[in-house]
C-alpha atoms as a PDB file:
ATOM      1  CA  MET A   1      90.305  96.705  84.231  1.00  0.00           C
ATOM      2  CA  ASN A   2      87.609  94.512  85.742  1.00  0.00           C
ATOM      3  CA  SER A   3      88.659  91.188  84.271  1.00  0.00           C
ATOM      4  CA  ILE A   4      91.623  89.904  82.321  1.00  0.00           C
ATOM      5  CA  TYR A   5      90.241  86.462  81.727  1.00  0.00           C
ATOM      6  CA  PRO A   6      88.213  84.967  78.888  1.00  0.00           C
ATOM      7  CA  PRO A   7      84.469  84.471  79.196  1.00  0.00           C
ATOM      8  CA  ARG A   8      83.145  81.040  80.055  1.00  0.00           C
ATOM      9  CA  GLU A   9      82.327  80.420  76.389  1.00  0.00           C
ATOM     10  CA  ILE A  10      84.968  81.324  73.809  1.00  0.00           C
ATOM     11  CA  ILE A  11      83.389  82.004  70.440  1.00  0.00           C
ATOM     12  CA  GLU A  12      85.767  80.847  67.739  1.00  0.00           C
ATOM     13  CA  ALA A  13      84.360  83.367  65.263  1.00  0.00           C
ATOM     14  CA  ASP A  14      85.702  86.152  67.483  1.00  0.00           C
ATOM     15  CA  ARG A  15      89.229  84.866  66.989  1.00  0.00           C
ATOM     16  CA  PRO A  16      90.532  86.739  63.906  1.00  0.00           C
ATOM     17  CA  PRO A  17      92.816  84.851  61.473  1.00  0.00           C
ATOM     18  CA  ARG A  18      95.283  87.773  61.548  1.00  0.00           C
ATOM     19  CA  PRO A  19      95.606  90.937  63.640  1.00  0.00           C
ATOM     20  CA  ALA A  20      93.039  93.582  62.841  1.00  0.00           C
ATOM     21  CA  GLY A  21      93.701  97.318  63.145  1.00  0.00           C
ATOM     22  CA  VAL A  22      92.933  97.078  66.859  1.00  0.00           C
ATOM     23  CA  LEU A  23      92.621  93.857  68.840  1.00  0.00           C
ATOM     24  CA  SER A  24      89.382  93.588  70.806  1.00  0.00           C
ATOM     25  CA  ARG A  25      89.624  93.492  74.589  1.00  0.00           C
ATOM     26  CA  GLY A  26      88.263  89.957  74.681  1.00  0.00           C
ATOM     27  CA  TYR A  27      90.814  88.729  72.162  1.00  0.00           C
ATOM     28  CA  ARG A  28      93.694  90.383  74.048  1.00  0.00           C
ATOM     29  CA  ASP A  29      92.475  88.793  77.267  1.00  0.00           C
ATOM     30  CA  ARG A  30      92.568  85.359  75.640  1.00  0.00           C
ATOM     31  CA  LEU A  31      96.049  85.950  74.271  1.00  0.00           C
ATOM     32  CA  ILE A  32      97.281  86.915  77.747  1.00  0.00           C
ATOM     33  CA  GLU A  33      95.616  83.881  79.285  1.00  0.00           C
ATOM     34  CA  ARG A  34      97.132  81.503  76.723  1.00  0.00           C
ATOM     35  CA  GLY A  35     100.579  83.036  77.171  1.00  0.00           C
ATOM     36  CA  ILE A  36     100.460  82.692  80.954  1.00  0.00           C
ATOM     37  CA  LEU A  37      99.281  79.089  80.635  1.00  0.00           C
ATOM     38  CA  GLY A  38     102.245  78.288  78.402  1.00  0.00           C
ATOM     39  CA  LEU A  39     104.587  80.027  80.835  1.00  0.00           C
ATOM     40  CA  TYR A  40     103.121  78.068  83.759  1.00  0.00           C
ATOM     41  CA  ARG A  41     103.702  74.731  82.012  1.00  0.00           C
ATOM     42  CA  TRP A  42     107.296  75.724  81.199  1.00  0.00           C
ATOM     43  CA  TYR A  43     107.813  76.866  84.791  1.00  0.00           C
ATOM     44  CA  THR A  44     106.517  73.616  86.279  1.00  0.00           C
ATOM     45  CA  ALA A  45     108.856  71.466  84.202  1.00  0.00           C
ATOM     46  CA  ARG A  46     111.788  73.721  85.009  1.00  0.00           C
ATOM     47  CA  SER A  47     111.118  73.732  88.754  1.00  0.00           C
ATOM     48  CA  GLN A  48     110.807  69.948  88.892  1.00  0.00           C
ATOM     49  CA  GLU A  49     114.085  69.541  87.029  1.00  0.00           C
ATOM     50  CA  THR A  50     116.224  72.079  88.895  1.00  0.00           C
ATOM     51  CA  ARG A  51     114.702  72.968  92.291  1.00  0.00           C
ATOM     52  CA  ASN A  52     113.106  69.819  93.660  1.00  0.00           C
ATOM     53  CA  TRP A  53     114.818  69.895  97.072  1.00  0.00           C
ATOM     54  CA  ASN A  54     113.581  68.481 100.376  1.00  0.00           C
ATOM     55  CA  VAL A  55     113.150  70.554 103.540  1.00  0.00           C
ATOM     56  CA  ASP A  56     114.353  67.969 106.053  1.00  0.00           C
ATOM     57  CA  MET A  57     116.812  65.876 104.063  1.00  0.00           C
ATOM     58  CA  GLY A  58     118.298  68.577 101.890  1.00  0.00           C
ATOM     59  CA  PHE A  59     120.330  70.342 104.602  1.00  0.00           C
ATOM     60  CA  ASP A  60     122.774  69.299 107.307  1.00  0.00           C
ATOM     61  CA  TRP A  61     120.601  70.521 110.175  1.00  0.00           C
ATOM     62  CA  ARG A  62     122.705  68.864 112.862  1.00  0.00           C
ATOM     63  CA  ASN A  63     125.614  71.139 111.971  1.00  0.00           C
ATOM     64  CA  ILE A  64     123.917  74.519 111.705  1.00  0.00           C
ATOM     65  CA  LYS A  65     125.483  77.158 113.949  1.00  0.00           C
ATOM     66  CA  THR A  66     123.901  77.461 117.404  1.00  0.00           C
ATOM     67  CA  THR A  67     125.568  80.741 118.388  1.00  0.00           C
ATOM     68  CA  PHE A  68     124.022  83.228 115.999  1.00  0.00           C
ATOM     69  CA  SER A  69     123.869  86.846 117.105  1.00  0.00           C
ATOM     70  CA  PRO A  70     120.550  88.090 118.586  1.00  0.00           C
ATOM     71  CA  THR A  71     120.023  90.105 115.394  1.00  0.00           C
ATOM     72  CA  VAL A  72     120.270  87.068 113.126  1.00  0.00           C
ATOM     73  CA  LYS A  73     118.078  85.034 115.475  1.00  0.00           C
ATOM     74  CA  GLN A  74     115.386  87.716 115.264  1.00  0.00           C
ATOM     75  CA  ILE A  75     115.584  87.769 111.457  1.00  0.00           C
ATOM     76  CA  LEU A  76     115.310  83.988 111.206  1.00  0.00           C
ATOM     77  CA  GLN A  77     112.168  84.029 113.319  1.00  0.00           C
ATOM     78  CA  GLY A  78     110.750  86.831 111.190  1.00  0.00           C
ATOM     79  CA  PHE A  79     111.430  84.912 107.983  1.00  0.00           C
ATOM     80  CA  PHE A  80     109.556  81.933 109.387  1.00  0.00           C
ATOM     81  CA  ALA A  81     106.640  84.111 110.472  1.00  0.00           C
ATOM     82  CA  VAL A  82     106.210  85.801 107.093  1.00  0.00           C
ATOM     83  CA  GLU A  83     106.283  82.503 105.203  1.00  0.00           C
ATOM     84  CA  GLN A  84     103.892  80.875 107.676  1.00  0.00           C
ATOM     85  CA  TYR A  85     101.025  82.894 106.181  1.00  0.00           C
ATOM     86  CA  VAL A  86     101.303  80.913 102.939  1.00  0.00           C
ATOM     87  CA  PRO A  87      97.797  79.377 103.313  1.00  0.00           C
ATOM     88  CA  ASP A  88      96.327  82.896 103.246  1.00  0.00           C
ATOM     89  CA  TYR A  89      98.544  84.074 100.403  1.00  0.00           C
ATOM     90  CA  THR A  90      97.690  81.052  98.289  1.00  0.00           C
ATOM     91  CA  ALA A  91      93.979  80.621  98.963  1.00  0.00           C
ATOM     92  CA  LYS A  92      93.019  84.255  98.524  1.00  0.00           C
ATOM     93  CA  ALA A  93      95.051  84.733  95.363  1.00  0.00           C
ATOM     94  CA  ILE A  94      93.592  81.559  93.857  1.00  0.00           C
ATOM     95  CA  ASP A  95      90.078  82.757  94.615  1.00  0.00           C
ATOM     96  CA  LEU A  96      90.757  86.040  92.815  1.00  0.00           C
ATOM     97  CA  VAL A  97      92.270  84.441  89.678  1.00  0.00           C
ATOM     98  CA  ARG A  98      90.355  81.153  89.677  1.00  0.00           C
ATOM     99  CA  ARG A  99      89.059  81.679  86.116  1.00  0.00           C
ATOM    100  CA  SER A 100      92.595  81.774  84.773  1.00  0.00           C
ATOM    101  CA  HIS A 101      93.998  78.289  84.208  1.00  0.00           C
ATOM    102  CA  GLY A 102      97.599  79.502  84.149  1.00  0.00           C
ATOM    103  CA  ARG A 103      97.489  81.893  87.090  1.00  0.00           C
ATOM    104  CA  SER A 104      95.322  79.773  89.389  1.00  0.00           C
ATOM    105  CA  HIS A 105      97.356  76.612  88.837  1.00  0.00           C
ATOM    106  CA  PHE A 106     100.599  78.519  89.182  1.00  0.00           C
ATOM    107  CA  GLN A 107      99.409  79.832  92.555  1.00  0.00           C
ATOM    108  CA  ILE A 108      99.011  76.225  93.702  1.00  0.00           C
ATOM    109  CA  ARG A 109     102.557  75.454  92.533  1.00  0.00           C
ATOM    110  CA  TRP A 110     103.810  78.687  94.115  1.00  0.00           C
ATOM    111  CA  GLY A 111     102.094  77.809  97.400  1.00  0.00           C
ATOM    112  CA  SER A 112     103.723  74.375  97.525  1.00  0.00           C
ATOM    113  CA  GLU A 113     107.146  75.967  97.095  1.00  0.00           C
ATOM    114  CA  GLU A 114     106.448  78.701  99.659  1.00  0.00           C
ATOM    115  CA  GLU A 115     105.267  76.052 102.125  1.00  0.00           C
ATOM    116  CA  LYS A 116     108.737  74.529 101.882  1.00  0.00           C
ATOM    117  CA  HIS A 117     110.218  77.907 102.749  1.00  0.00           C
ATOM    118  CA  ALA A 118     108.106  78.198 105.881  1.00  0.00           C
ATOM    119  CA  ASP A 119     109.111  74.734 107.074  1.00  0.00           C
ATOM    120  CA  THR A 120     112.761  75.372 106.193  1.00  0.00           C
ATOM    121  CA  TRP A 121     112.927  78.551 108.268  1.00  0.00           C
ATOM    122  CA  TRP A 122     111.116  76.670 111.054  1.00  0.00           C
ATOM    123  CA  ASN A 123     113.933  74.101 111.010  1.00  0.00           C
ATOM    124  CA  ALA A 124     116.556  76.840 110.897  1.00  0.00           C
ATOM    125  CA  VAL A 125     115.149  78.503 114.010  1.00  0.00           C
ATOM    126  CA  LEU A 126     114.838  75.225 115.919  1.00  0.00           C
ATOM    127  CA  PHE A 127     118.129  73.545 114.984  1.00  0.00           C
ATOM    128  CA  SER A 128     120.101  76.752 115.516  1.00  0.00           C
ATOM    129  CA  LYS A 129     118.497  76.933 118.972  1.00  0.00           C
ATOM    130  CA  SER A 130     117.460  80.505 118.251  1.00  0.00           C
ATOM    131  CA  ARG A 131     114.188  79.646 120.003  1.00  0.00           C
ATOM    132  CA  THR A 132     113.118  76.646 122.049  1.00  0.00           C
ATOM    133  CA  PRO A 133     110.458  74.344 120.588  1.00  0.00           C
ATOM    134  CA  LEU A 134     107.943  75.692 123.118  1.00  0.00           C
ATOM    135  CA  GLU A 135     108.768  79.317 122.351  1.00  0.00           C
ATOM    136  CA  LEU A 136     108.405  78.762 118.625  1.00  0.00           C
ATOM    137  CA  GLU A 137     105.176  76.815 119.052  1.00  0.00           C
ATOM    138  CA  GLU A 138     103.695  79.620 121.143  1.00  0.00           C
ATOM    139  CA  TYR A 139     104.881  82.193 118.611  1.00  0.00           C
ATOM    140  CA  LYS A 140     103.308  80.237 115.766  1.00  0.00           C
ATOM    141  CA  HIS A 141      99.938  80.202 117.476  1.00  0.00           C
ATOM    142  CA  LEU A 142     100.267  83.910 118.183  1.00  0.00           C
ATOM    143  CA  ILE A 143     100.918  84.919 114.582  1.00  0.00           C
ATOM    144  CA  ILE A 144      98.105  82.860 113.088  1.00  0.00           C
ATOM    145  CA  GLN A 145      95.580  84.860 115.081  1.00  0.00           C
ATOM    146  CA  LYS A 146      95.828  87.474 112.331  1.00  0.00           C
ATOM    147  CA  GLU A 147      94.751  86.846 108.766  1.00  0.00           C
ATOM    148  CA  TRP A 148      96.446  88.230 105.661  1.00  0.00           C
ATOM    149  CA  GLU A 149      94.173  90.154 103.302  1.00  0.00           C
ATOM    150  CA  LEU A 150      94.637  90.861  99.627  1.00  0.00           C
ATOM    151  CA  PRO A 151      96.368  94.214  99.118  1.00  0.00           C
ATOM    152  CA  TRP A 152      94.462  94.674  95.837  1.00  0.00           C
ATOM    153  CA  GLU A 153      91.093  93.377  94.701  1.00  0.00           C
ATOM    154  CA  ASP A 154      91.765  93.121  90.961  1.00  0.00           C
ATOM    155  CA  PRO A 155      94.073  90.629  89.205  1.00  0.00           C
ATOM    156  CA  VAL A 156      96.284  93.160  87.421  1.00  0.00           C
ATOM    157  CA  HIS A 157      97.143  95.253  90.484  1.00  0.00           C
ATOM    158  CA  LEU A 158      97.741  92.057  92.468  1.00  0.00           C
ATOM    159  CA  LEU A 159     100.062  90.786  89.732  1.00  0.00           C
ATOM    160  CA  ILE A 160     102.103  93.997  89.770  1.00  0.00           C
ATOM    161  CA  TYR A 161     102.206  93.988  93.575  1.00  0.00           C
ATOM    162  CA  THR A 162     103.517  90.428  93.523  1.00  0.00           C
ATOM    163  CA  VAL A 163     106.311  91.361  91.114  1.00  0.00           C
ATOM    164  CA  PHE A 164     107.742  93.867  93.590  1.00  0.00           C
ATOM    165  CA  GLN A 165     106.936  91.768  96.656  1.00  0.00           C
ATOM    166  CA  GLU A 166     108.733  88.723  95.253  1.00  0.00           C
ATOM    167  CA  ARG A 167     111.755  90.849  94.369  1.00  0.00           C
ATOM    168  CA  ALA A 168     111.816  92.227  97.927  1.00  0.00           C
ATOM    169  CA  THR A 169     111.576  88.727  99.406  1.00  0.00           C
ATOM    170  CA  GLN A 170     114.348  87.462  97.143  1.00  0.00           C
ATOM    171  CA  LEU A 171     116.510  90.385  98.271  1.00  0.00           C
ATOM    172  CA  ASN A 172     115.950  89.477 101.941  1.00  0.00           C
ATOM    173  CA  TYR A 173     117.279  85.986 101.378  1.00  0.00           C
ATOM    174  CA  ILE A 174     120.161  87.092  99.152  1.00  0.00           C
ATOM    175  CA  ASN A 175     121.336  89.389 101.937  1.00  0.00           C
ATOM    176  CA  MET A 176     120.917  86.640 104.537  1.00  0.00           C
ATOM    177  CA  ALA A 177     123.101  84.438 102.318  1.00  0.00           C
ATOM    178  CA  LYS A 178     125.757  87.169 102.409  1.00  0.00           C
ATOM    179  CA  ILE A 179     125.667  87.121 106.209  1.00  0.00           C
ATOM    180  CA  ALA A 180     125.958  83.335 106.194  1.00  0.00           C
ATOM    181  CA  ALA A 181     128.925  83.596 103.821  1.00  0.00           C
ATOM    182  CA  GLY A 182     130.684  85.992 106.214  1.00  0.00           C
ATOM    183  CA  GLN A 183     130.406  88.884 103.740  1.00  0.00           C
ATOM    184  CA  LYS A 184     128.512  91.372 105.938  1.00  0.00           C
ATOM    185  CA  GLU A 185     130.621  93.744 107.987  1.00  0.00           C
ATOM    186  CA  GLY A 186     129.913  93.380 111.678  1.00  0.00           C
ATOM    187  CA  PHE A 187     128.326  89.946 111.237  1.00  0.00           C
ATOM    188  CA  GLU A 188     131.386  87.870 110.384  1.00  0.00           C
ATOM    189  CA  SER A 189     130.784  85.628 113.408  1.00  0.00           C
ATOM    190  CA  ASP A 190     127.392  84.631 111.951  1.00  0.00           C
ATOM    191  CA  ALA A 191     128.995  82.846 108.994  1.00  0.00           C
ATOM    192  CA  CYS A 192     127.532  79.362 108.603  1.00  0.00           C
ATOM    193  CA  PRO A 193     127.718  76.983 105.600  1.00  0.00           C
ATOM    194  CA  VAL A 194     124.385  75.358 106.447  1.00  0.00           C
ATOM    195  CA  LEU A 195     122.550  78.675 106.668  1.00  0.00           C
ATOM    196  CA  LEU A 196     124.242  79.753 103.440  1.00  0.00           C
ATOM    197  CA  LYS A 197     122.839  76.718 101.643  1.00  0.00           C
ATOM    198  CA  VAL A 198     119.386  77.337 103.120  1.00  0.00           C
ATOM    199  CA  ALA A 199     119.254  81.024 102.186  1.00  0.00           C
ATOM    200  CA  THR A 200     120.632  80.358  98.715  1.00  0.00           C
ATOM    201  CA  ALA A 201     118.103  77.619  97.955  1.00  0.00           C
ATOM    202  CA  ILE A 202     115.173  79.771  99.040  1.00  0.00           C
ATOM    203  CA  ALA A 203     116.495  82.873  97.259  1.00  0.00           C
ATOM    204  CA  THR A 204     116.751  80.791  94.080  1.00  0.00           C
ATOM    205  CA  ASP A 205     113.092  79.815  94.413  1.00  0.00           C
ATOM    206  CA  GLU A 206     112.122  83.439  94.964  1.00  0.00           C
ATOM    207  CA  ALA A 207     114.059  84.464  91.848  1.00  0.00           C
ATOM    208  CA  ALA A 208     112.038  81.937  89.839  1.00  0.00           C
ATOM    209  CA  HIS A 209     108.777  83.264  91.324  1.00  0.00           C
ATOM    210  CA  TYR A 210     109.801  86.831  90.569  1.00  0.00           C
ATOM    211  CA  ASN A 211     110.590  85.984  86.964  1.00  0.00           C
ATOM    212  CA  PHE A 212     107.233  84.250  86.462  1.00  0.00           C
ATOM    213  CA  PHE A 213     105.280  87.244  87.732  1.00  0.00           C
ATOM    214  CA  LEU A 214     107.518  89.681  85.828  1.00  0.00           C
ATOM    215  CA  GLU A 215     107.044  87.782  82.549  1.00  0.00           C
ATOM    216  CA  SER A 216     103.273  87.738  83.128  1.00  0.00           C
ATOM    217  CA  ALA A 217     103.225  91.451  83.891  1.00  0.00           C
ATOM    218  CA  ARG A 218     105.219  92.273  80.748  1.00  0.00           C
ATOM    219  CA  LEU A 219     102.662  90.297  78.759  1.00  0.00           C
ATOM    220  CA  HIS A 220      99.945  92.493  80.264  1.00  0.00           C
ATOM    221  CA  MET A 221     101.936  95.598  79.457  1.00  0.00           C
ATOM    222  CA  TYR A 222     102.259  94.504  75.839  1.00  0.00           C
ATOM    223  CA  TYR A 223      98.509  94.160  75.357  1.00  0.00           C
ATOM    224  CA  TYR A 224      97.360  96.808  77.895  1.00  0.00           C
ATOM    225  CA  PRO A 225     100.241  99.310  78.167  1.00  0.00           C
ATOM    226  CA  LEU A 226      98.518 102.270  79.818  1.00  0.00           C
ATOM    227  CA  GLU A 227      96.468 100.257  82.301  1.00  0.00           C
ATOM    228  CA  THR A 228      99.550  98.282  83.332  1.00  0.00           C
ATOM    229  CA  LEU A 229     101.626 101.441  83.789  1.00  0.00           C
ATOM    230  CA  GLU A 230      98.877 102.924  85.947  1.00  0.00           C
ATOM    231  CA  ALA A 231      98.820  99.741  88.035  1.00  0.00           C
ATOM    232  CA  ILE A 232     102.601  99.983  88.555  1.00  0.00           C
ATOM    233  CA  ARG A 233     102.204 103.571  89.714  1.00  0.00           C
ATOM    234  CA  ASP A 234      99.378 102.666  92.105  1.00  0.00           C
ATOM    235  CA  VAL A 235     101.219  99.702  93.605  1.00  0.00           C
ATOM    236  CA  LEU A 236     104.429 101.627  94.229  1.00  0.00           C
ATOM    237  CA  GLU A 237     102.483 104.441  95.843  1.00  0.00           C
ATOM    238  CA  HIS A 238     100.939 102.080  98.409  1.00  0.00           C
ATOM    239  CA  PHE A 239     103.474  99.233  98.578  1.00  0.00           C
ATOM    240  CA  ALA A 240     104.158  97.553 101.919  1.00  0.00           C
ATOM    241  CA  MET A 241     105.531  94.112 102.776  1.00  0.00           C
ATOM    242  CA  PRO A 242     102.866  91.817 104.328  1.00  0.00           C
ATOM    243  CA  ALA A 243     104.760  91.403 107.625  1.00  0.00           C
ATOM    244  CA  GLN A 244     104.235  95.039 108.544  1.00  0.00           C
ATOM    245  CA  LYS A 245     100.584  94.519 109.481  1.00  0.00           C
ATOM    246  CA  LEU A 246     100.782  90.905 110.617  1.00  0.00           C
ATOM    247  CA  LEU A 247     103.708  90.247 112.938  1.00  0.00           C
ATOM    248  CA  PRO A 248     103.293  91.038 116.634  1.00  0.00           C
ATOM    249  CA  ASP A 249     107.033  91.745 116.820  1.00  0.00           C
ATOM    250  CA  TRP A 250     107.234  93.597 113.508  1.00  0.00           C
ATOM    251  CA  GLN A 251     109.253  96.485 114.936  1.00  0.00           C
ATOM    252  CA  ALA A 252     111.916  94.173 116.358  1.00  0.00           C
ATOM    253  CA  PHE A 253     112.079  92.249 113.065  1.00  0.00           C
ATOM    254  CA  PHE A 254     112.336  95.433 111.015  1.00  0.00           C
ATOM    255  CA  GLU A 255     115.057  96.887 113.230  1.00  0.00           C
ATOM    256  CA  ALA A 256     117.061  93.652 113.036  1.00  0.00           C
ATOM    257  CA  ALA A 257     116.728  93.500 109.237  1.00  0.00           C
ATOM    258  CA  TYR A 258     117.686  97.158 108.971  1.00  0.00           C
ATOM    259  CA  LYS A 259     120.688  96.767 111.272  1.00  0.00           C
ATOM    260  CA  ALA A 260     121.997  93.826 109.247  1.00  0.00           C
ATOM    261  CA  ALA A 261     121.274  95.606 105.924  1.00  0.00           C
ATOM    262  CA  VAL A 262     119.038  92.703 104.985  1.00  0.00           C
ATOM    263  CA  TYR A 263     116.103  94.960 104.149  1.00  0.00           C
ATOM    264  CA  GLY A 264     115.210  98.606 104.713  1.00  0.00           C
ATOM    265  CA  PRO A 265     114.245 101.802 102.878  1.00  0.00           C
ATOM    266  CA  ARG A 266     117.587 101.991 101.081  1.00  0.00           C
ATOM    267  CA  GLU A 267     117.445  98.386  99.863  1.00  0.00           C
ATOM    268  CA  TYR A 268     113.799  98.830  98.840  1.00  0.00           C
ATOM    269  CA  ALA A 269     114.498 101.920  96.743  1.00  0.00           C
ATOM    270  CA  ARG A 270     117.758 100.731  95.191  1.00  0.00           C
ATOM    271  CA  ASP A 271     117.318  96.970  94.799  1.00  0.00           C
ATOM    272  CA  VAL A 272     113.545  96.549  94.529  1.00  0.00           C
ATOM    273  CA  VAL A 273     111.915  99.602  92.955  1.00  0.00           C
ATOM    274  CA  ALA A 274     114.786 100.713  90.721  1.00  0.00           C
ATOM    275  CA  ILE A 275     115.490  97.207  89.422  1.00  0.00           C
ATOM    276  CA  GLY A 276     111.805  96.416  88.975  1.00  0.00           C
ATOM    277  CA  LEU A 277     111.185  99.595  86.986  1.00  0.00           C
ATOM    278  CA  GLU A 278     114.278  98.965  84.889  1.00  0.00           C
ATOM    279  CA  GLN A 279     112.955  95.540  83.925  1.00  0.00           C
ATOM    280  CA  PHE A 280     109.727  97.168  82.783  1.00  0.00           C
ATOM    281  CA  GLY A 281     111.774  99.593  80.685  1.00  0.00           C
ATOM    282  CA  ILE A 282     110.889 102.545  82.964  1.00  0.00           C
ATOM    283  CA  ALA A 283     113.653 104.967  83.910  1.00  0.00           C
ATOM    284  CA  SER A 284     112.277 106.060  87.300  1.00  0.00           C
ATOM    285  CA  ARG A 285     109.137 106.612  89.357  1.00  0.00           C
ATOM    286  CA  ARG A 286     109.214 110.271  88.337  1.00  0.00           C
ATOM    287  CA  SER A 287     109.294 109.444  84.631  1.00  0.00           C
ATOM    288  CA  LEU A 288     106.434 106.977  85.170  1.00  0.00           C
ATOM    289  CA  GLU A 289     104.275 109.551  86.958  1.00  0.00           C
ATOM    290  CA  GLU A 290     105.061 112.375  84.564  1.00  0.00           C
ATOM    291  CA  GLY A 291     104.478 110.166  81.537  1.00  0.00           C
ATOM    292  CA  ILE A 292     101.035 109.107  82.755  1.00  0.00           C
ATOM    293  CA  LYS A 293     100.115 112.716  83.538  1.00  0.00           C
ATOM    294  CA  ARG A 294     101.133 113.862  80.047  1.00  0.00           C
ATOM    295  CA  THR A 295      99.059 111.202  78.371  1.00  0.00           C
ATOM    296  CA  ARG A 296      95.875 112.563  76.850  1.00  0.00           C
ATOM    297  CA  LEU A 297      93.496 109.767  76.055  1.00  0.00           C
ATOM    298  CA  VAL A 298      91.070 109.612  73.134  1.00  0.00           C
ATOM    299  CA  PRO A 299      88.805 106.686  72.226  1.00  0.00           C
ATOM    300  CA  ASP A 300      89.465 104.636  69.104  1.00  0.00           C
ATOM    301  CA  GLU A 301      86.732 103.013  67.005  1.00  0.00           C
ATOM    302  CA  ASN A 302      86.337 100.215  69.571  1.00  0.00           C
ATOM    303  CA  GLY A 303      86.144 102.534  72.565  1.00  0.00           C
ATOM    304  CA  GLN A 304      89.688 101.696  73.670  1.00  0.00           C
ATOM    305  CA  MET A 305      91.436 104.766  75.097  1.00  0.00           C
ATOM    306  CA  VAL A 306      94.761 105.309  73.353  1.00  0.00           C
ATOM    307  CA  ASP A 307      97.343 108.050  72.846  1.00  0.00           C
ATOM    308  CA  SER A 308     100.856 108.100  71.437  1.00  0.00           C
ATOM    309  CA  ALA A 309     102.161 110.041  74.451  1.00  0.00           C
ATOM    310  CA  ILE A 310     102.252 106.831  76.463  1.00  0.00           C
ATOM    311  CA  TRP A 311     105.295 105.601  74.553  1.00  0.00           C
ATOM    312  CA  GLU A 312     107.365 108.367  76.142  1.00  0.00           C
ATOM    313  CA  THR A 313     106.819 106.803  79.577  1.00  0.00           C
ATOM    314  CA  PHE A 314     108.989 103.726  79.057  1.00  0.00           C
ATOM    315  CA  ASP A 315     111.176 101.913  76.528  1.00  0.00           C
ATOM    316  CA  PRO A 316     108.620 100.047  74.396  1.00  0.00           C
ATOM    317  CA  ASN A 317     111.231  98.220  72.348  1.00  0.00           C
ATOM    318  CA  SER A 318     112.519  96.438  75.453  1.00  0.00           C
ATOM    319  CA  ILE A 319     109.019  95.134  76.218  1.00  0.00           C
ATOM    320  CA  VAL A 320     108.580  93.888  72.651  1.00  0.00           C
ATOM    321  CA  LYS A 321     111.885  92.016  72.827  1.00  0.00           C
ATOM    322  CA  ASP A 322     111.047  90.557  76.261  1.00  0.00           C
ATOM    323  CA  VAL A 323     107.626  89.340  75.119  1.00  0.00           C
ATOM    324  CA  GLN A 324     109.035  87.822  71.938  1.00  0.00           C
ATOM    325  CA  ARG A 325     111.715  86.096  74.016  1.00  0.00           C
ATOM    326  CA  LEU A 326     108.967  84.706  76.284  1.00  0.00           C
ATOM    327  CA  TYR A 327     107.125  83.145  73.357  1.00  0.00           C
ATOM    328  CA  THR A 328     110.353  81.692  71.981  1.00  0.00           C
ATOM    329  CA  LYS A 329     110.926  80.021  75.358  1.00  0.00           C
ATOM    330  CA  ILE A 330     107.379  78.667  75.523  1.00  0.00           C
ATOM    331  CA  ASN A 331     107.434  77.435  71.912  1.00  0.00           C
ATOM    332  CA  GLY A 332     110.765  75.705  72.445  1.00  0.00           C
ATOM    333  CA  PHE A 333     109.382  73.895  75.473  1.00  0.00           C
ATOM    334  CA  GLU A 334     106.156  72.888  73.712  1.00  0.00           C
ATOM    335  CA  SER A 335     108.126  71.399  70.831  1.00  0.00           C
ATOM    336  CA  LYS A 336     109.879  69.048  73.270  1.00  0.00           C
ATOM    337  CA  TYR A 337     106.721  67.131  74.116  1.00  0.00           C
ATOM    338  CA  GLY A 338     104.557  67.685  71.045  1.00  0.00           C
ATOM    339  CA  MET A 339     102.205  70.469  72.105  1.00  0.00           C
ATOM    340  CA  ASP A 340     103.424  72.470  69.103  1.00  0.00           C
ATOM    341  CA  LEU A 341     101.584  69.957  66.903  1.00  0.00           C
ATOM    342  CA  ILE A 342      98.339  69.997  68.938  1.00  0.00           C
ATOM    343  CA  ASP A 343      97.708  73.456  70.406  1.00  0.00           C
ATOM    344  CA  PRO A 344     100.771  75.707  70.201  1.00  0.00           C
ATOM    345  CA  THR A 345     101.004  79.011  72.072  1.00  0.00           C
ATOM    346  CA  GLN A 346     101.007  81.581  69.305  1.00  0.00           C
ATOM    347  CA  PHE A 347     102.324  85.128  69.461  1.00  0.00           C
ATOM    348  CA  VAL A 348      99.913  87.682  67.982  1.00  0.00           C
ATOM    349  CA  PRO A 349     101.409  91.176  67.570  1.00  0.00           C
ATOM    350  CA  ASN A 350      99.542  94.078  69.122  1.00  0.00           C
ATOM    351  CA  PRO A 351      99.084  96.521  66.205  1.00  0.00           C
ATOM    352  CA  VAL A 352      99.235  99.630  68.419  1.00  0.00           C
ATOM    353  CA  TRP A 353     102.959  98.975  68.935  1.00  0.00           C
ATOM    354  CA  LYS A 354     103.543  99.777  65.257  1.00  0.00           C
ATOM    355  CA  THR A 355     103.452 103.448  66.273  1.00  0.00           C
ATOM    356  CA  VAL A 356     106.587 103.015  68.379  1.00  0.00           C
END
């Protein structure tokens, strides 16, 4: 899939009054774009209402613990380092999706929230005296010598990658919150109410990010099921967290995260991949791979490659329900400020799902 976005000029005559036997690629692209735009506007209002916290004034930094274990200190520094690449993450993603109003503007919103995470972990490292100001300043200049590169060069693969990456990041912070709450065996002495509030606030942001990307990806799956499933397979085959190639002390960070059960192969398989696949209606990586292999594609009258075997790969009814729920959410939000009377986001069924 080379492009998921509408052409520069949208010809109104190409917009059918009701679904035809098969929706054209251009029309499906516009439906996806309009859905993501509606989701972005809903997301922005929601984030401003519920998660508008301040890095410096929102936490009792003077009372954060200053005797964390070396393992927790290493993890805190690693969290800061990973989030510090937010200018790269944001700029390069925006450049790739710049023709999409919803995705490009969401990336700006996403970047502003991730910037808060970087500065919050910076404060956590400094106020906990895990590193001296000079040590952290030197470390910051060391890590920015490397530049993050896009793991995928097309919007759909990048979207799927971000779904799993955001889930993995959320999991990191959920597990750090458990340490801060004194719920991790062997790390009871690292309990700290201030760190708990920090990790919980950031994990909540990451959950919101994850849900945005997941909703967008389900929308793609609804209108491009096979291509989206293939993208999920490709991403999982090559998935790696960005820190692995960027941090000069990656090995020390990974070992600390593994030791504290914050993140490792077990957490990735059980709490990232398995949960992510479940929310796409896919039973397992094996069922995904086998389902794609069994699919025999034939072209329809518009040249679109289709085959009923694809429906055996995942639970299509769950995707239909999730997409319908998304539009209900968007429509409810638009009715609150009058957009429903001007330019409502409309759900157009994809006729190929009638075969399910």
